[in-house]
Every structure is written in C-alpha cells, then in structure tokens.
Amino acid sequence: MRQGFDGLSGIVSNHMNEDPFKGGTIYVFFNLRRSMVKMLLWDADGLAIYSKRLSRGSFGTPVYDASTKTMIIEKKDLMLILEGIEIRYRKRYAVVS
C-alpha cells in the first residue's frame, strides 16, 4: 500500500491492460489483510487517490469473476463495502404483490 499515483496507474495499465485515464472507472486496491483500501480514479483534470484504513475489522470481499480475472462491482456495492457490509451474502428479496 505504498504505491502512489505512478505506481497504481502502472498497475492499472501494465497488469490490468486498462487505461487509468478513462473517466467513470474507479480502480480499487486492498492490502492483504483487507484493512486498508486505495481508490484511483480520473477526475476532470487529473488522477485522484482516496484511501481508507480501518481501526479494526476488515473490508468485505467483492465477487471474483474468473473469466476476466477481475472483480467488477457497481458503485453502490463499493459504497456498501466501504461502510463495512459484506456484499457476497447480500440477497435481494422478490417483491410480493
């Protein structure tokens, strides 16, 4: 978790074969213990890094997609993870009318 702008954008471009300067995409990096997260995103005029470290506990795990070898999640699921909610076991209930 010592990577800065250049290191994280290098990981995105070299290992993930993505463009870190693509707007609308947030790249999320967790440490091994999942107690710290860094988010890299392209703002209107430059790269931005946001980070959060938990005092205790760990962040939830997104669902892994084996076909793309990535974890693609929606913004609402990312917000739940950052709030400490495990999204893997979350279930939507059918509306009964």
PDB file of N, CA and C in Angstrom:
ATOM      1  N   MET A   1       0.817  -1.198   0.000  1.00  0.00           N
ATOM      2  CA  MET A   1       0.000   0.000   0.000  1.00  0.00           C
ATOM      3  C   MET A   1       0.858   1.259   0.000  1.00  0.00           C
ATOM      4  N   ARG A   2       2.064   1.142  -0.442  1.00  0.00           N
ATOM      5  CA  ARG A   2       2.948   2.310  -0.523  1.00  0.00           C
ATOM      6  C   ARG A   2       2.940   2.958  -1.898  1.00  0.00           C
ATOM      7  N   GLN A   3       2.138   2.435  -2.793  1.00  0.00           N
ATOM      8  CA  GLN A   3       2.092   2.964  -4.149  1.00  0.00           C
ATOM      9  C   GLN A   3       1.382   4.310  -4.184  1.00  0.00           C
ATOM     10  N   GLY A   4       1.880   5.172  -5.052  1.00  0.00           N
ATOM     11  CA  GLY A   4       1.258   6.470  -5.268  1.00  0.00           C
ATOM     12  C   GLY A   4       0.598   6.508  -6.635  1.00  0.00           C
ATOM     13  N   PHE A   5       0.507   7.692  -7.192  1.00  0.00           N
ATOM     14  CA  PHE A   5      -0.139   7.872  -8.483  1.00  0.00           C
ATOM     15  C   PHE A   5       0.519   7.045  -9.580  1.00  0.00           C
ATOM     16  N   ASP A   6       1.847   7.147  -9.683  1.00  0.00           N
ATOM     17  CA  ASP A   6       2.557   6.449 -10.754  1.00  0.00           C
ATOM     18  C   ASP A   6       2.497   4.942 -10.583  1.00  0.00           C
ATOM     19  N   GLY A   7       2.665   4.448  -9.362  1.00  0.00           N
ATOM     20  CA  GLY A   7       2.641   3.013  -9.124  1.00  0.00           C
ATOM     21  C   GLY A   7       1.283   2.396  -9.389  1.00  0.00           C
ATOM     22  N   LEU A   8       0.221   3.033  -8.888  1.00  0.00           N
ATOM     23  CA  LEU A   8      -1.120   2.493  -9.088  1.00  0.00           C
ATOM     24  C   LEU A   8      -1.558   2.586 -10.549  1.00  0.00           C
ATOM     25  N   SER A   9      -1.246   3.695 -11.213  1.00  0.00           N
ATOM     26  CA  SER A   9      -1.606   3.796 -12.629  1.00  0.00           C
ATOM     27  C   SER A   9      -0.787   2.831 -13.470  1.00  0.00           C
ATOM     28  N   GLY A  10       0.446   2.518 -13.026  1.00  0.00           N
ATOM     29  CA  GLY A  10       1.248   1.497 -13.704  1.00  0.00           C
ATOM     30  C   GLY A  10       0.642   0.119 -13.570  1.00  0.00           C
ATOM     31  N   ILE A  11       0.134  -0.206 -12.396  1.00  0.00           N
ATOM     32  CA  ILE A  11      -0.542  -1.489 -12.196  1.00  0.00           C
ATOM     33  C   ILE A  11      -1.772  -1.587 -13.090  1.00  0.00           C
ATOM     34  N   VAL A  12      -2.531  -0.502 -13.155  1.00  0.00           N
ATOM     35  CA  VAL A  12      -3.744  -0.495 -13.982  1.00  0.00           C
ATOM     36  C   VAL A  12      -3.401  -0.694 -15.444  1.00  0.00           C
ATOM     37  N   SER A  13      -2.398   0.011 -15.943  1.00  0.00           N
ATOM     38  CA  SER A  13      -2.089  -0.074 -17.369  1.00  0.00           C
ATOM     39  C   SER A  13      -1.294  -1.333 -17.723  1.00  0.00           C
ATOM     40  N   ASN A  14      -0.339  -1.748 -16.896  1.00  0.00           N
ATOM     41  CA  ASN A  14       0.517  -2.884 -17.248  1.00  0.00           C
ATOM     42  C   ASN A  14      -0.073  -4.238 -16.892  1.00  0.00           C
ATOM     43  N   HIS A  15      -0.688  -4.367 -15.724  1.00  0.00           N
ATOM     44  CA  HIS A  15      -1.195  -5.663 -15.280  1.00  0.00           C
ATOM     45  C   HIS A  15      -2.662  -5.891 -15.632  1.00  0.00           C
ATOM     46  N   MET A  16      -3.429  -4.820 -15.635  1.00  0.00           N
ATOM     47  CA  MET A  16      -4.862  -4.962 -15.911  1.00  0.00           C
ATOM     48  C   MET A  16      -5.208  -4.635 -17.361  1.00  0.00           C
ATOM     49  N   ASN A  17      -4.238  -4.107 -18.121  1.00  0.00           N
ATOM     50  CA  ASN A  17      -4.445  -3.703 -19.515  1.00  0.00           C
ATOM     51  C   ASN A  17      -5.626  -2.756 -19.664  1.00  0.00           C
ATOM     52  N   GLU A  18      -5.730  -1.822 -18.739  1.00  0.00           N
ATOM     53  CA  GLU A  18      -6.783  -0.804 -18.753  1.00  0.00           C
ATOM     54  C   GLU A  18      -6.140   0.565 -18.877  1.00  0.00           C
ATOM     55  N   ASP A  19      -6.939   1.543 -19.219  1.00  0.00           N
ATOM     56  CA  ASP A  19      -6.479   2.926 -19.307  1.00  0.00           C
ATOM     57  C   ASP A  19      -6.853   3.644 -18.014  1.00  0.00           C
ATOM     58  N   PRO A  20      -5.864   4.017 -17.172  1.00  0.00           N
ATOM     59  CA  PRO A  20      -6.195   4.682 -15.907  1.00  0.00           C
ATOM     60  C   PRO A  20      -6.783   6.073 -16.101  1.00  0.00           C
ATOM     61  N   PHE A  21      -6.694   6.622 -17.298  1.00  0.00           N
ATOM     62  CA  PHE A  21      -7.205   7.955 -17.573  1.00  0.00           C
ATOM     63  C   PHE A  21      -8.616   7.917 -18.161  1.00  0.00           C
ATOM     64  N   LYS A  22      -9.255   6.757 -18.099  1.00  0.00           N
ATOM     65  CA  LYS A  22     -10.621   6.611 -18.586  1.00  0.00           C
ATOM     66  C   LYS A  22     -11.573   7.119 -17.512  1.00  0.00           C
ATOM     67  N   GLY A  23     -12.388   8.056 -17.856  1.00  0.00           N
ATOM     68  CA  GLY A  23     -13.319   8.624 -16.897  1.00  0.00           C
ATOM     69  C   GLY A  23     -14.441   7.666 -16.534  1.00  0.00           C
ATOM     70  N   GLY A  24     -14.913   7.759 -15.296  1.00  0.00           N
ATOM     71  CA  GLY A  24     -16.028   6.948 -14.861  1.00  0.00           C
ATOM     72  C   GLY A  24     -15.654   5.609 -14.265  1.00  0.00           C
ATOM     73  N   THR A  25     -14.384   5.261 -14.254  1.00  0.00           N
ATOM     74  CA  THR A  25     -13.933   3.987 -13.698  1.00  0.00           C
ATOM     75  C   THR A  25     -13.113   4.246 -12.447  1.00  0.00           C
ATOM     76  N   ILE A  26     -13.419   3.514 -11.387  1.00  0.00           N
ATOM     77  CA  ILE A  26     -12.672   3.605 -10.134  1.00  0.00           C
ATOM     78  C   ILE A  26     -11.920   2.294  -9.964  1.00  0.00           C
ATOM     79  N   TYR A  27     -10.610   2.372  -9.800  1.00  0.00           N
ATOM     80  CA  TYR A  27      -9.780   1.192  -9.577  1.00  0.00           C
ATOM     81  C   TYR A  27      -9.513   1.092  -8.084  1.00  0.00           C
ATOM     82  N   VAL A  28      -9.856  -0.051  -7.501  1.00  0.00           N
ATOM     83  CA  VAL A  28      -9.815  -0.227  -6.054  1.00  0.00           C
ATOM     84  C   VAL A  28      -8.743  -1.253  -5.712  1.00  0.00           C
ATOM     85  N   PHE A  29      -7.891  -0.914  -4.749  1.00  0.00           N
ATOM     86  CA  PHE A  29      -6.800  -1.782  -4.312  1.00  0.00           C
ATOM     87  C   PHE A  29      -6.900  -2.001  -2.806  1.00  0.00           C
ATOM     88  N   PHE A  30      -6.886  -3.260  -2.385  1.00  0.00           N
ATOM     89  CA  PHE A  30      -6.912  -3.613  -0.970  1.00  0.00           C
ATOM     90  C   PHE A  30      -5.557  -4.168  -0.565  1.00  0.00           C
ATOM     91  N   ASN A  31      -5.196  -3.981   0.705  1.00  0.00           N
ATOM     92  CA  ASN A  31      -3.993  -4.640   1.192  1.00  0.00           C
ATOM     93  C   ASN A  31      -4.330  -6.097   1.504  1.00  0.00           C
ATOM     94  N   LEU A  32      -3.329  -6.889   1.867  1.00  0.00           N
ATOM     95  CA  LEU A  32      -3.517  -8.317   2.072  1.00  0.00           C
ATOM     96  C   LEU A  32      -4.495  -8.624   3.198  1.00  0.00           C
ATOM     97  N   ARG A  33      -4.441  -7.869   4.270  1.00  0.00           N
ATOM     98  CA  ARG A  33      -5.349  -8.091   5.403  1.00  0.00           C
ATOM     99  C   ARG A  33      -6.722  -7.471   5.195  1.00  0.00           C
ATOM    100  N   ARG A  34      -6.891  -6.758   4.108  1.00  0.00           N
ATOM    101  CA  ARG A  34      -8.139  -6.078   3.746  1.00  0.00           C
ATOM    102  C   ARG A  34      -8.565  -5.052   4.793  1.00  0.00           C
ATOM    103  N   SER A  35      -7.579  -4.453   5.451  1.00  0.00           N
ATOM    104  CA  SER A  35      -7.876  -3.412   6.431  1.00  0.00           C
ATOM    105  C   SER A  35      -7.637  -2.017   5.865  1.00  0.00           C
ATOM    106  N   MET A  36      -7.104  -1.940   4.646  1.00  0.00           N
ATOM    107  CA  MET A  36      -6.850  -0.650   4.010  1.00  0.00           C
ATOM    108  C   MET A  36      -7.231  -0.745   2.537  1.00  0.00           C
ATOM    109  N   VAL A  37      -7.764   0.356   2.031  1.00  0.00           N
ATOM    110  CA  VAL A  37      -8.163   0.413   0.626  1.00  0.00           C
ATOM    111  C   VAL A  37      -7.666   1.730   0.031  1.00  0.00           C
ATOM    112  N   LYS A  38      -7.242   1.662  -1.237  1.00  0.00           N
ATOM    113  CA  LYS A  38      -6.917   2.855  -2.014  1.00  0.00           C
ATOM    114  C   LYS A  38      -7.723   2.790  -3.290  1.00  0.00           C
ATOM    115  N   MET A  39      -8.260   3.943  -3.685  1.00  0.00           N
ATOM    116  CA  MET A  39      -9.055   4.034  -4.905  1.00  0.00           C
ATOM    117  C   MET A  39      -8.423   5.057  -5.826  1.00  0.00           C
ATOM    118  N   LEU A  40      -8.183   4.653  -7.049  1.00  0.00           N
ATOM    119  CA  LEU A  40      -7.594   5.516  -8.065  1.00  0.00           C
ATOM    120  C   LEU A  40      -8.664   5.824  -9.099  1.00  0.00           C
ATOM    121  N   LEU A  41      -8.840   7.116  -9.391  1.00  0.00           N
ATOM    122  CA  LEU A  41      -9.813   7.491 -10.405  1.00  0.00           C
ATOM    123  C   LEU A  41      -9.351   8.744 -11.131  1.00  0.00           C
ATOM    124  N   TRP A  42      -9.833   8.867 -12.343  1.00  0.00           N
ATOM    125  CA  TRP A  42      -9.540  10.044 -13.155  1.00  0.00           C
ATOM    126  C   TRP A  42     -10.612  11.079 -12.882  1.00  0.00           C
ATOM    127  N   ASP A  43     -10.184  12.207 -12.340  1.00  0.00           N
ATOM    128  CA  ASP A  43     -11.079  13.323 -12.095  1.00  0.00           C
ATOM    129  C   ASP A  43     -11.118  14.153 -13.382  1.00  0.00           C
ATOM    130  N   ALA A  44     -11.787  15.244 -13.380  1.00  0.00           N
ATOM    131  CA  ALA A  44     -11.933  16.067 -14.582  1.00  0.00           C
ATOM    132  C   ALA A  44     -10.594  16.523 -15.154  1.00  0.00           C
ATOM    133  N   ASP A  45      -9.606  16.765 -14.300  1.00  0.00           N
ATOM    134  CA  ASP A  45      -8.338  17.299 -14.801  1.00  0.00           C
ATOM    135  C   ASP A  45      -7.105  16.584 -14.265  1.00  0.00           C
ATOM    136  N   GLY A  46      -7.258  15.422 -13.632  1.00  0.00           N
ATOM    137  CA  GLY A  46      -6.096  14.691 -13.146  1.00  0.00           C
ATOM    138  C   GLY A  46      -6.494  13.462 -12.348  1.00  0.00           C
ATOM    139  N   LEU A  47      -5.489  12.667 -11.985  1.00  0.00           N
ATOM    140  CA  LEU A  47      -5.724  11.479 -11.182  1.00  0.00           C
ATOM    141  C   LEU A  47      -5.959  11.855  -9.724  1.00  0.00           C
ATOM    142  N   ALA A  48      -6.797  11.087  -9.049  1.00  0.00           N
ATOM    143  CA  ALA A  48      -7.064  11.292  -7.625  1.00  0.00           C
ATOM    144  C   ALA A  48      -6.946   9.949  -6.920  1.00  0.00           C
ATOM    145  N   ILE A  49      -6.401   9.973  -5.707  1.00  0.00           N
ATOM    146  CA  ILE A  49      -6.308   8.785  -4.871  1.00  0.00           C
ATOM    147  C   ILE A  49      -7.067   9.058  -3.583  1.00  0.00           C
ATOM    148  N   TYR A  50      -7.951   8.123  -3.244  1.00  0.00           N
ATOM    149  CA  TYR A  50      -8.654   8.174  -1.971  1.00  0.00           C
ATOM    150  C   TYR A  50      -8.270   6.924  -1.204  1.00  0.00           C
ATOM    151  N   SER A  51      -8.058   7.063   0.090  1.00  0.00           N
ATOM    152  CA  SER A  51      -7.690   5.896   0.884  1.00  0.00           C
ATOM    153  C   SER A  51      -8.473   5.888   2.187  1.00  0.00           C
ATOM    154  N   LYS A  52      -8.630   4.672   2.718  1.00  0.00           N
ATOM    155  CA  LYS A  52      -9.313   4.491   3.989  1.00  0.00           C
ATOM    156  C   LYS A  52      -8.659   3.323   4.705  1.00  0.00           C
ATOM    157  N   ARG A  53      -8.390   3.502   6.002  1.00  0.00           N
ATOM    158  CA  ARG A  53      -7.818   2.435   6.821  1.00  0.00           C
ATOM    159  C   ARG A  53      -8.727   2.206   8.007  1.00  0.00           C
ATOM    160  N   LEU A  54      -9.079   0.956   8.234  1.00  0.00           N
ATOM    161  CA  LEU A  54      -9.953   0.605   9.344  1.00  0.00           C
ATOM    162  C   LEU A  54      -9.154   0.473  10.629  1.00  0.00           C
ATOM    163  N   SER A  55      -9.728   0.887  11.744  1.00  0.00           N
ATOM    164  CA  SER A  55      -9.059   0.726  13.034  1.00  0.00           C
ATOM    165  C   SER A  55      -9.168  -0.712  13.524  1.00  0.00           C
ATOM    166  N   ARG A  56     -10.243  -1.393  13.131  1.00  0.00           N
ATOM    167  CA  ARG A  56     -10.384  -2.818  13.440  1.00  0.00           C
ATOM    168  C   ARG A  56     -11.303  -3.441  12.415  1.00  0.00           C
ATOM    169  N   GLY A  57     -11.204  -4.749  12.225  1.00  0.00           N
ATOM    170  CA  GLY A  57     -12.010  -5.450  11.247  1.00  0.00           C
ATOM    171  C   GLY A  57     -11.390  -5.394   9.861  1.00  0.00           C
ATOM    172  N   SER A  58     -12.148  -5.824   8.881  1.00  0.00           N
ATOM    173  CA  SER A  58     -11.667  -5.827   7.502  1.00  0.00           C
ATOM    174  C   SER A  58     -12.821  -5.523   6.554  1.00  0.00           C
ATOM    175  N   PHE A  59     -12.450  -5.121   5.353  1.00  0.00           N
ATOM    176  CA  PHE A  59     -13.437  -4.815   4.325  1.00  0.00           C
ATOM    177  C   PHE A  59     -13.990  -6.114   3.744  1.00  0.00           C
ATOM    178  N   GLY A  60     -15.207  -6.056   3.232  1.00  0.00           N
ATOM    179  CA  GLY A  60     -15.816  -7.209   2.578  1.00  0.00           C
ATOM    180  C   GLY A  60     -15.134  -7.492   1.253  1.00  0.00           C
ATOM    181  N   THR A  61     -15.380  -8.681   0.732  1.00  0.00           N
ATOM    182  CA  THR A  61     -14.750  -9.120  -0.498  1.00  0.00           C
ATOM    183  C   THR A  61     -15.735  -9.044  -1.656  1.00  0.00           C
ATOM    184  N   PRO A  62     -15.367  -8.364  -2.741  1.00  0.00           N
ATOM    185  CA  PRO A  62     -16.228  -8.377  -3.925  1.00  0.00           C
ATOM    186  C   PRO A  62     -16.225  -9.763  -4.566  1.00  0.00           C
ATOM    187  N   VAL A  63     -17.198 -10.021  -5.405  1.00  0.00           N
ATOM    188  CA  VAL A  63     -17.307 -11.307  -6.081  1.00  0.00           C
ATOM    189  C   VAL A  63     -16.291 -11.350  -7.215  1.00  0.00           C
ATOM    190  N   TYR A  64     -15.474 -12.421  -7.250  1.00  0.00           N
ATOM    191  CA  TYR A  64     -14.412 -12.578  -8.244  1.00  0.00           C
ATOM    192  C   TYR A  64     -14.969 -13.183  -9.524  1.00  0.00           C
ATOM    193  N   ASP A  65     -14.634 -12.574 -10.666  1.00  0.00           N
ATOM    194  CA  ASP A  65     -15.044 -13.080 -11.971  1.00  0.00           C
ATOM    195  C   ASP A  65     -13.854 -13.803 -12.590  1.00  0.00           C
ATOM    196  N   ALA A  66     -13.917 -15.136 -12.646  1.00  0.00           N
ATOM    197  CA  ALA A  66     -12.780 -15.928 -13.129  1.00  0.00           C
ATOM    198  C   ALA A  66     -12.534 -15.740 -14.620  1.00  0.00           C
ATOM    199  N   SER A  67     -13.567 -15.403 -15.388  1.00  0.00           N
ATOM    200  CA  SER A  67     -13.383 -15.258 -16.829  1.00  0.00           C
ATOM    201  C   SER A  67     -12.540 -14.029 -17.182  1.00  0.00           C
ATOM    202  N   THR A  68     -12.723 -12.937 -16.463  1.00  0.00           N
ATOM    203  CA  THR A  68     -11.946 -11.727 -16.732  1.00  0.00           C
ATOM    204  C   THR A  68     -10.797 -11.529 -15.753  1.00  0.00           C
ATOM    205  N   LYS A  69     -10.719 -12.391 -14.721  1.00  0.00           N
ATOM    206  CA  LYS A  69      -9.695 -12.308 -13.681  1.00  0.00           C
ATOM    207  C   LYS A  69      -9.710 -10.961 -12.968  1.00  0.00           C
ATOM    208  N   THR A  70     -10.895 -10.405 -12.812  1.00  0.00           N
ATOM    209  CA  THR A  70     -11.063  -9.135 -12.114  1.00  0.00           C
ATOM    210  C   THR A  70     -12.291  -9.214 -11.216  1.00  0.00           C
ATOM    211  N   MET A  71     -12.453  -8.200 -10.415  1.00  0.00           N
ATOM    212  CA  MET A  71     -13.633  -8.059  -9.576  1.00  0.00           C
ATOM    213  C   MET A  71     -14.331  -6.784  -9.995  1.00  0.00           C
ATOM    214  N   ILE A  72     -15.325  -6.896 -10.821  1.00  0.00           N
ATOM    215  CA  ILE A  72     -16.047  -5.733 -11.314  1.00  0.00           C
ATOM    216  C   ILE A  72     -17.293  -5.559 -10.454  1.00  0.00           C
ATOM    217  N   ILE A  73     -17.395  -4.398  -9.828  1.00  0.00           N
ATOM    218  CA  ILE A  73     -18.533  -4.126  -8.956  1.00  0.00           C
ATOM    219  C   ILE A  73     -19.147  -2.785  -9.329  1.00  0.00           C
ATOM    220  N   GLU A  74     -20.378  -2.620  -8.940  1.00  0.00           N
ATOM    221  CA  GLU A  74     -21.065  -1.357  -9.177  1.00  0.00           C
ATOM    222  C   GLU A  74     -20.740  -0.390  -8.048  1.00  0.00           C
ATOM    223  N   LYS A  75     -21.009   0.874  -8.296  1.00  0.00           N
ATOM    224  CA  LYS A  75     -20.708   1.912  -7.313  1.00  0.00           C
ATOM    225  C   LYS A  75     -21.453   1.685  -5.999  1.00  0.00           C
ATOM    226  N   LYS A  76     -22.705   1.247  -6.076  1.00  0.00           N
ATOM    227  CA  LYS A  76     -23.481   1.015  -4.856  1.00  0.00           C
ATOM    228  C   LYS A  76     -22.869  -0.101  -4.018  1.00  0.00           C
ATOM    229  N   ASP A  77     -22.333  -1.144  -4.676  1.00  0.00           N
ATOM    230  CA  ASP A  77     -21.685  -2.227  -3.940  1.00  0.00           C
ATOM    231  C   ASP A  77     -20.373  -1.759  -3.319  1.00  0.00           C
ATOM    232  N   LEU A  78     -19.643  -0.895  -4.013  1.00  0.00           N
ATOM    233  CA  LEU A  78     -18.420  -0.331  -3.446  1.00  0.00           C
ATOM    234  C   LEU A  78     -18.734   0.483  -2.206  1.00  0.00           C
ATOM    235  N   MET A  79     -19.797   1.252  -2.260  1.00  0.00           N
ATOM    236  CA  MET A  79     -20.184   2.052  -1.099  1.00  0.00           C
ATOM    237  C   MET A  79     -20.538   1.153   0.088  1.00  0.00           C
ATOM    238  N   LEU A  80     -21.195   0.036  -0.166  1.00  0.00           N
ATOM    239  CA  LEU A  80     -21.517  -0.902   0.904  1.00  0.00           C
ATOM    240  C   LEU A  80     -20.251  -1.517   1.506  1.00  0.00           C
ATOM    241  N   ILE A  81     -19.305  -1.861   0.657  1.00  0.00           N
ATOM    242  CA  ILE A  81     -18.036  -2.420   1.150  1.00  0.00           C
ATOM    243  C   ILE A  81     -17.322  -1.407   2.026  1.00  0.00           C
ATOM    244  N   LEU A  82     -17.283  -0.154   1.589  1.00  0.00           N
ATOM    245  CA  LEU A  82     -16.604   0.882   2.372  1.00  0.00           C
ATOM    246  C   LEU A  82     -17.311   1.154   3.691  1.00  0.00           C
ATOM    247  N   GLU A  83     -18.596   0.857   3.766  1.00  0.00           N
ATOM    248  CA  GLU A  83     -19.350   1.008   5.014  1.00  0.00           C
ATOM    249  C   GLU A  83     -19.234  -0.215   5.913  1.00  0.00           C
ATOM    250  N   GLY A  84     -18.592  -1.286   5.416  1.00  0.00           N
ATOM    251  CA  GLY A  84     -18.384  -2.472   6.239  1.00  0.00           C
ATOM    252  C   GLY A  84     -19.401  -3.566   6.051  1.00  0.00           C
ATOM    253  N   ILE A  85     -20.171  -3.516   4.974  1.00  0.00           N
ATOM    254  CA  ILE A  85     -21.192  -4.522   4.722  1.00  0.00           C
ATOM    255  C   ILE A  85     -20.638  -5.559   3.754  1.00  0.00           C
ATOM    256  N   GLU A  86     -20.774  -6.834   4.093  1.00  0.00           N
ATOM    257  CA  GLU A  86     -20.315  -7.930   3.235  1.00  0.00           C
ATOM    258  C   GLU A  86     -21.348  -8.149   2.138  1.00  0.00           C
ATOM    259  N   ILE A  87     -20.998  -7.839   0.889  1.00  0.00           N
ATOM    260  CA  ILE A  87     -21.972  -7.915  -0.200  1.00  0.00           C
ATOM    261  C   ILE A  87     -22.103  -9.324  -0.766  1.00  0.00           C
ATOM    262  N   ARG A  88     -21.184 -10.193  -0.456  1.00  0.00           N
ATOM    263  CA  ARG A  88     -21.238 -11.541  -1.007  1.00  0.00           C
ATOM    264  C   ARG A  88     -22.471 -12.299  -0.520  1.00  0.00           C
ATOM    265  N   TYR A  89     -22.898 -12.045   0.709  1.00  0.00           N
ATOM    266  CA  TYR A  89     -24.029 -12.761   1.280  1.00  0.00           C
ATOM    267  C   TYR A  89     -25.326 -11.963   1.217  1.00  0.00           C
ATOM    268  N   ARG A  90     -25.276 -10.799   0.601  1.00  0.00           N
ATOM    269  CA  ARG A  90     -26.468  -9.963   0.476  1.00  0.00           C
ATOM    270  C   ARG A  90     -27.391 -10.588  -0.561  1.00  0.00           C
ATOM    271  N   LYS A  91     -28.671 -10.552  -0.284  1.00  0.00           N
ATOM    272  CA  LYS A  91     -29.642 -11.153  -1.181  1.00  0.00           C
ATOM    273  C   LYS A  91     -30.821 -10.211  -1.355  1.00  0.00           C
ATOM    274  N   ARG A  92     -31.267 -10.052  -2.576  1.00  0.00           N
ATOM    275  CA  ARG A  92     -32.450  -9.249  -2.836  1.00  0.00           C
ATOM    276  C   ARG A  92     -33.676 -10.136  -2.740  1.00  0.00           C
ATOM    277  N   TYR A  93     -34.674  -9.618  -2.109  1.00  0.00           N
ATOM    278  CA  TYR A  93     -35.915 -10.362  -1.953  1.00  0.00           C
ATOM    279  C   TYR A  93     -36.905  -9.929  -3.007  1.00  0.00           C
ATOM    280  N   ALA A  94     -37.683 -10.884  -3.484  1.00  0.00           N
ATOM    281  CA  ALA A  94     -38.687 -10.594  -4.505  1.00  0.00           C
ATOM    282  C   ALA A  94     -39.821  -9.790  -3.881  1.00  0.00           C
ATOM    283  N   VAL A  95     -40.346  -8.883  -4.653  1.00  0.00           N
ATOM    284  CA  VAL A  95     -41.468  -8.064  -4.210  1.00  0.00           C
ATOM    285  C   VAL A  95     -42.742  -8.885  -4.355  1.00  0.00           C
ATOM    286  N   VAL A  96     -43.477  -8.999  -3.268  1.00  0.00           N
ATOM    287  CA  VAL A  96     -44.735  -9.751  -3.297  1.00  0.00           C
ATOM    288  C   VAL A  96     -45.874  -8.751  -3.443  1.00  0.00           C
ATOM    289  N   SER A  97     -46.698  -8.968  -4.440  1.00  0.00           N
ATOM    290  CA  SER A  97     -47.808  -8.031  -4.645  1.00  0.00           C
ATOM    291  C   SER A  97     -49.147  -8.627  -4.322  1.00  0.00           C
TER     292      SER A  97
END
